[in-house]
Amino acid sequence: MRVTLVKGDMLLELDPCAGGAVSKLKHRDLDVLRPAPERVGPAFDPLKYSAFAMVPFVGRIHDAGFQVNEREIHLHANLPPEPHAIHGHGWQDVWKVESQSKTRASLSYYHAADAWPWTYKARQDFQLSDTRLSVELSVENLSDTPMPAGLGWHPYFSREGATLIVPTTHVWSVDSETGSNAPAPVKITDDLSRARIVDDMTLDTSYSVDAGTIEINWPTHGVSIKSDPVFEHATIFVPPGEDYFCAEPITHAPNAVNSDLAEDVTGLKWLAPGDTLSGKIKLTVIH
């Protein structure tokens, strides 16, 4: 069963059984996010939805493995044919509806330790206003050892006529063979902090970003995405030959759990037992 919230001209539809994903976000007759297809039965493809949460990590963990205190962790490669683990667990699983009103809903996801050797609980708290969707993401470490953690939100937008502004400071270059990565200053030709035509770009790239707002504009309307400071990175995904693109607020850089760089560079958090990482993202429609 899908969950529908309405406030003024805004309508949000969630699909808890399909990765806790957003299946529709509308302002009047406008699809603010790409609408998901109708789903019949339990099967779903989160990559066809409007937006989904990434937890307890974002992006790819190279070859689905990393090391903690000399212990080798081997995860499931969850997006064949890629050999990597990507975007955590919640986006491919069922979420529970914790609460719901006309304008608010809370979804939770419980993950018992398995190949990922920590138990945790994640939440998504949604709130609608007349022109805004607020999403607060959180993950709590329920294990008795520190857990690496990250959060992200993966929305899909129509690319036709779109321009994009992201306050990028550094670009993360990932070696496809080894997974190693490092930030480099953004070159003028790659700078997204000035308006760029989305159709002119092909990207699957993560950036360090200044505190600020991601701005997307179309001839008919605009969208701003304002995130809490914990979302100090962003991934921009503009695949060739598709009619969509993604502008994703994220808390850490790709493959951060395998990085030798300091946590204040990668953004990766290590949560002590009982600790919670959280942050809010506000998407505002501008007419």
Protein backbone atom coordinates (compact mmCIF):
# COMPACT_ATOMS: atom_id res chain seq x y z
CA MET A 1 0.00 0.00 0.00
CA ARG A 2 1.32 3.44 -0.92
CA VAL A 3 1.25 6.41 1.46
CA THR A 4 -0.07 9.73 0.15
CA LEU A 5 0.50 13.13 1.75
CA VAL A 6 -1.17 16.34 0.58
CA LYS A 7 -0.59 19.96 1.58
CA GLY A 8 -2.01 22.76 -0.57
CA ASP A 9 -0.73 22.24 -4.11
CA MET A 10 1.82 19.60 -3.08
CA LEU A 11 1.26 15.85 -3.26
CA LEU A 12 3.76 13.20 -2.13
CA GLU A 13 3.35 9.47 -2.65
CA LEU A 14 5.58 6.91 -0.91
CA ASP A 15 5.95 3.19 -1.49
CA PRO A 16 7.14 1.67 1.82
CA CYS A 17 7.32 -1.85 0.37
CA ALA A 18 9.52 -0.67 -2.50
CA GLY A 19 12.62 0.54 -0.71
CA GLY A 20 10.71 3.22 1.18
CA ALA A 21 10.99 5.17 -2.07
CA VAL A 22 9.17 8.26 -3.27
CA SER A 23 6.91 7.17 -6.13
CA LYS A 24 5.47 10.62 -6.92
CA LEU A 25 6.00 14.28 -6.01
CA LYS A 26 3.67 16.77 -7.68
CA HIS A 27 3.02 20.50 -7.45
CA ARG A 28 -0.39 21.09 -9.02
CA ASP A 29 -0.14 19.29 -12.37
CA LEU A 30 3.67 19.36 -12.41
CA ASP A 31 5.75 16.24 -11.77
CA VAL A 32 8.56 17.69 -9.66
CA LEU A 33 10.33 14.32 -9.70
CA ARG A 34 10.13 11.61 -12.33
CA PRO A 35 7.04 9.54 -11.45
CA ALA A 36 7.44 5.83 -10.79
CA PRO A 37 5.61 3.24 -12.86
CA GLU A 38 2.62 1.46 -11.41
CA ARG A 39 3.66 -1.59 -9.39
CA VAL A 40 1.70 -4.83 -9.32
CA GLY A 41 2.89 -7.47 -6.86
CA PRO A 42 5.95 -7.39 -4.63
CA ALA A 43 8.63 -6.91 -7.30
CA PHE A 44 10.00 -3.41 -7.86
CA ASP A 45 12.94 -1.62 -9.43
CA PRO A 46 14.08 1.27 -7.22
CA LEU A 47 16.00 2.72 -10.17
CA LYS A 48 12.64 3.49 -11.80
CA TYR A 49 11.30 5.46 -8.83
CA SER A 50 11.23 9.19 -8.06
CA ALA A 51 13.74 9.12 -5.19
CA PHE A 52 15.15 6.75 -2.59
CA ALA A 53 17.28 6.91 0.55
CA MET A 54 20.83 5.59 0.66
CA VAL A 55 21.79 4.04 4.01
CA PRO A 56 24.07 3.07 5.78
CA PHE A 57 26.51 4.13 3.04
CA VAL A 58 26.30 5.94 -0.29
CA GLY A 59 27.83 5.23 -3.66
CA ARG A 60 30.02 2.23 -4.37
CA ILE A 61 32.17 0.20 -1.99
CA HIS A 62 34.79 -1.10 -4.40
CA ASP A 63 34.59 -4.84 -5.03
CA ALA A 64 32.06 -5.00 -2.17
CA GLY A 65 34.77 -5.24 0.47
CA PHE A 66 36.71 -3.35 3.13
CA GLN A 67 38.71 -3.96 6.27
CA VAL A 68 37.99 -3.01 9.88
CA ASN A 69 40.66 -3.68 12.51
CA GLU A 70 42.27 -6.35 10.32
CA ARG A 71 38.88 -8.00 9.77
CA GLU A 72 37.88 -8.47 6.16
CA ILE A 73 34.27 -7.47 5.41
CA HIS A 74 32.75 -9.03 2.27
CA LEU A 75 29.43 -7.55 1.21
CA HIS A 76 26.96 -8.60 -1.46
CA ALA A 77 27.41 -7.09 -4.91
CA ASN A 78 23.85 -5.76 -5.15
CA LEU A 79 23.68 -4.25 -8.63
CA PRO A 80 24.75 -6.91 -11.15
CA PRO A 81 26.80 -7.01 -13.25
CA GLU A 82 28.78 -4.53 -11.13
CA PRO A 83 31.16 -6.25 -8.67
CA HIS A 84 30.59 -3.51 -6.08
CA ALA A 85 28.19 -2.90 -3.21
CA ILE A 86 26.22 0.29 -3.83
CA HIS A 87 23.90 2.62 -1.90
CA GLY A 88 23.51 0.45 1.20
CA HIS A 89 20.53 -1.78 1.93
CA GLY A 90 17.33 0.17 2.48
CA TRP A 91 16.72 1.09 -1.15
CA GLN A 92 16.19 -2.58 -2.05
CA ASP A 93 14.13 -3.65 0.96
CA VAL A 94 10.83 -3.09 2.75
CA TRP A 95 10.28 -0.18 5.17
CA LYS A 96 7.74 0.06 7.98
CA VAL A 97 5.27 2.94 8.30
CA GLU A 98 5.85 4.29 11.82
CA SER A 99 3.37 7.15 11.62
CA GLN A 100 1.27 9.05 9.10
CA SER A 101 -0.89 12.17 9.00
CA LYS A 102 -2.15 14.33 6.14
CA THR A 103 1.16 16.14 5.79
CA ARG A 104 3.73 13.94 7.59
CA ALA A 105 4.94 10.36 7.45
CA SER A 106 7.75 8.42 9.10
CA LEU A 107 9.22 5.22 7.68
CA SER A 108 11.75 2.95 9.40
CA TYR A 109 14.06 0.19 8.28
CA TYR A 110 15.67 -2.35 10.61
CA HIS A 111 18.74 -4.24 9.46
CA ALA A 112 20.08 -7.16 11.48
CA ALA A 113 23.81 -7.84 11.26
CA ASP A 114 24.74 -10.14 8.38
CA ALA A 115 27.48 -9.66 5.78
CA TRP A 116 27.29 -6.06 7.02
CA PRO A 117 28.31 -6.98 10.58
CA TRP A 118 26.36 -4.25 12.38
CA THR A 119 22.72 -4.00 13.35
CA TYR A 120 21.16 -0.61 12.70
CA LYS A 121 17.87 1.22 12.32
CA ALA A 122 17.23 3.87 9.68
CA ARG A 123 14.42 6.41 9.42
CA GLN A 124 12.95 8.70 6.84
CA ASP A 125 10.75 11.52 8.13
CA PHE A 126 8.78 13.32 5.43
CA GLN A 127 6.91 16.62 5.81
CA LEU A 128 5.02 18.61 3.18
CA SER A 129 4.36 22.35 3.13
CA ASP A 130 2.69 24.41 0.39
CA THR A 131 5.82 24.44 -1.81
CA ARG A 132 8.32 22.23 0.00
CA LEU A 133 9.17 18.64 0.78
CA SER A 134 11.41 18.10 3.82
CA VAL A 135 13.12 14.74 4.25
CA GLU A 136 15.08 13.94 7.40
CA LEU A 137 17.26 10.84 7.14
CA SER A 138 18.86 9.08 10.09
CA VAL A 139 20.71 5.90 10.97
CA GLU A 140 21.30 4.56 14.49
CA ASN A 141 24.00 2.04 15.34
CA LEU A 142 22.39 -0.74 17.41
CA SER A 143 25.56 -2.86 17.61
CA ASP A 144 28.22 -2.95 20.31
CA THR A 145 31.11 -1.83 18.07
CA PRO A 146 31.60 1.38 16.04
CA MET A 147 29.92 1.33 12.62
CA PRO A 148 30.89 3.29 9.49
CA ALA A 149 27.90 5.32 8.38
CA GLY A 150 26.63 7.64 5.71
CA LEU A 151 23.38 8.99 4.34
CA GLY A 152 22.16 10.18 0.97
CA TRP A 153 19.08 10.94 -1.07
CA HIS A 154 18.81 9.90 -4.71
CA PRO A 155 16.15 11.97 -6.56
CA TYR A 156 15.43 11.71 -10.29
CA PHE A 157 14.62 14.83 -12.35
CA SER A 158 13.58 15.42 -15.95
CA ARG A 159 16.59 16.67 -17.91
CA GLU A 160 14.75 18.30 -20.83
CA GLY A 161 15.50 22.03 -20.70
CA ALA A 162 17.18 21.77 -17.28
CA THR A 163 20.08 23.86 -16.02
CA LEU A 164 22.00 22.97 -12.87
CA ILE A 165 23.99 24.89 -10.26
CA VAL A 166 25.94 23.02 -7.53
CA PRO A 167 28.43 24.81 -5.21
CA THR A 168 31.26 22.42 -6.08
CA THR A 169 34.74 22.92 -4.59
CA HIS A 170 36.50 19.61 -5.30
CA VAL A 171 35.88 16.68 -7.61
CA TRP A 172 36.50 13.08 -6.52
CA SER A 173 38.27 10.99 -9.13
CA VAL A 174 37.84 7.26 -8.61
CA ASP A 175 40.21 4.71 -10.13
CA SER A 176 37.94 2.09 -11.69
CA GLU A 177 40.54 -0.65 -11.22
CA THR A 178 41.51 -0.08 -7.59
CA GLY A 179 38.67 2.06 -6.23
CA SER A 180 41.15 4.57 -4.81
CA ASN A 181 39.98 8.15 -4.91
CA ALA A 182 41.06 11.62 -3.91
CA PRO A 183 39.65 15.13 -4.18
CA ALA A 184 41.10 17.63 -6.62
CA PRO A 185 40.18 21.29 -7.10
CA VAL A 186 37.44 21.69 -9.68
CA LYS A 187 38.68 23.00 -13.02
CA ILE A 188 36.81 25.88 -14.59
CA THR A 189 35.60 23.60 -17.38
CA ASP A 190 34.10 21.19 -14.82
CA ASP A 191 32.79 23.76 -12.35
CA LEU A 192 29.10 23.33 -11.57
CA SER A 193 28.84 26.43 -9.39
CA ARG A 194 27.82 28.38 -12.47
CA ALA A 195 24.70 27.38 -14.41
CA ARG A 196 25.30 24.42 -16.71
CA ILE A 197 22.95 22.92 -19.29
CA VAL A 198 22.29 19.37 -18.15
CA ASP A 199 21.96 17.99 -21.69
CA ASP A 200 25.50 19.19 -22.42
CA MET A 201 26.99 16.94 -19.73
CA THR A 202 27.63 13.23 -19.14
CA LEU A 203 28.50 12.62 -15.50
CA ASP A 204 28.61 10.01 -12.76
CA THR A 205 30.72 12.11 -10.44
CA SER A 206 30.91 13.04 -6.77
CA TYR A 207 31.98 16.44 -5.50
CA SER A 208 32.81 18.17 -2.26
CA VAL A 209 30.42 21.10 -1.94
CA ASP A 210 30.26 24.33 0.00
CA ALA A 211 27.32 24.84 2.30
CA GLY A 212 24.67 26.08 -0.03
CA THR A 213 21.83 25.14 -2.29
CA ILE A 214 21.61 22.95 -5.38
CA GLU A 215 19.55 24.87 -7.92
CA ILE A 216 17.77 23.34 -10.90
CA ASN A 217 15.79 25.41 -13.38
CA TRP A 218 13.52 24.55 -16.28
CA PRO A 219 11.62 26.98 -18.55
CA THR A 220 8.47 26.31 -16.49
CA HIS A 221 9.77 26.22 -12.90
CA GLY A 222 12.70 25.74 -10.59
CA VAL A 223 13.73 23.54 -7.66
CA SER A 224 16.15 24.30 -4.85
CA ILE A 225 17.65 21.57 -2.65
CA LYS A 226 18.96 22.89 0.65
CA SER A 227 20.69 20.34 2.85
CA ASP A 228 22.07 20.34 6.38
CA PRO A 229 25.87 20.78 6.63
CA VAL A 230 26.40 17.04 7.22
CA PHE A 231 25.65 16.62 3.50
CA GLU A 232 29.04 18.00 2.51
CA HIS A 233 29.17 16.08 -0.77
CA ALA A 234 26.95 15.60 -3.80
CA THR A 235 26.82 13.11 -6.64
CA ILE A 236 25.64 14.28 -10.06
CA PHE A 237 24.49 11.51 -12.39
CA VAL A 238 23.75 12.41 -16.00
CA PRO A 239 23.78 9.14 -17.97
CA PRO A 240 24.03 9.19 -21.74
CA GLY A 241 20.88 8.58 -23.75
CA GLU A 242 18.43 8.95 -20.86
CA ASP A 243 15.70 11.53 -20.20
CA TYR A 244 16.56 11.99 -16.51
CA PHE A 245 19.41 13.09 -14.27
CA CYS A 246 20.11 12.92 -10.53
CA ALA A 247 21.44 15.54 -8.11
CA GLU A 248 22.09 13.68 -4.87
CA PRO A 249 22.98 15.21 -1.48
CA ILE A 250 25.33 12.76 0.28
CA THR A 251 27.38 12.78 3.47
CA HIS A 252 30.54 11.07 2.27
CA ALA A 253 32.69 10.56 -0.80
CA PRO A 254 32.72 7.37 -2.90
CA ASN A 255 34.38 4.30 -1.37
CA ALA A 256 35.20 6.35 1.73
CA VAL A 257 35.37 3.25 3.92
CA ASN A 258 38.47 2.18 1.94
CA SER A 259 40.12 5.59 1.97
CA ASP A 260 43.26 6.52 3.89
CA LEU A 261 42.15 10.15 3.95
CA ALA A 262 40.87 11.76 7.14
CA GLU A 263 37.19 11.54 7.96
CA ASP A 264 36.85 15.32 7.79
CA VAL A 265 37.89 15.03 4.12
CA THR A 266 35.85 11.99 3.10
CA GLY A 267 32.85 12.80 5.30
CA LEU A 268 32.58 9.20 6.55
CA LYS A 269 31.27 8.96 10.12
CA TRP A 270 32.02 6.21 12.62
CA LEU A 271 29.04 5.84 14.92
CA ALA A 272 29.68 4.63 18.44
CA PRO A 273 27.19 2.07 19.78
CA GLY A 274 23.86 3.82 20.28
CA ASP A 275 24.84 6.91 18.31
CA THR A 276 22.78 8.36 15.45
CA LEU A 277 23.73 10.21 12.28
CA SER A 278 21.00 12.43 10.87
CA GLY A 279 20.40 15.28 8.46
CA LYS A 280 17.58 17.11 6.71
CA ILE A 281 17.09 17.90 3.03
CA LYS A 282 14.56 20.53 1.89
CA LEU A 283 13.32 20.51 -1.69
CA THR A 284 11.43 23.69 -2.61
CA VAL A 285 9.45 24.26 -5.81
CA ILE A 286 9.81 27.75 -7.29
CA HIS A 287 7.33 29.09 -9.84
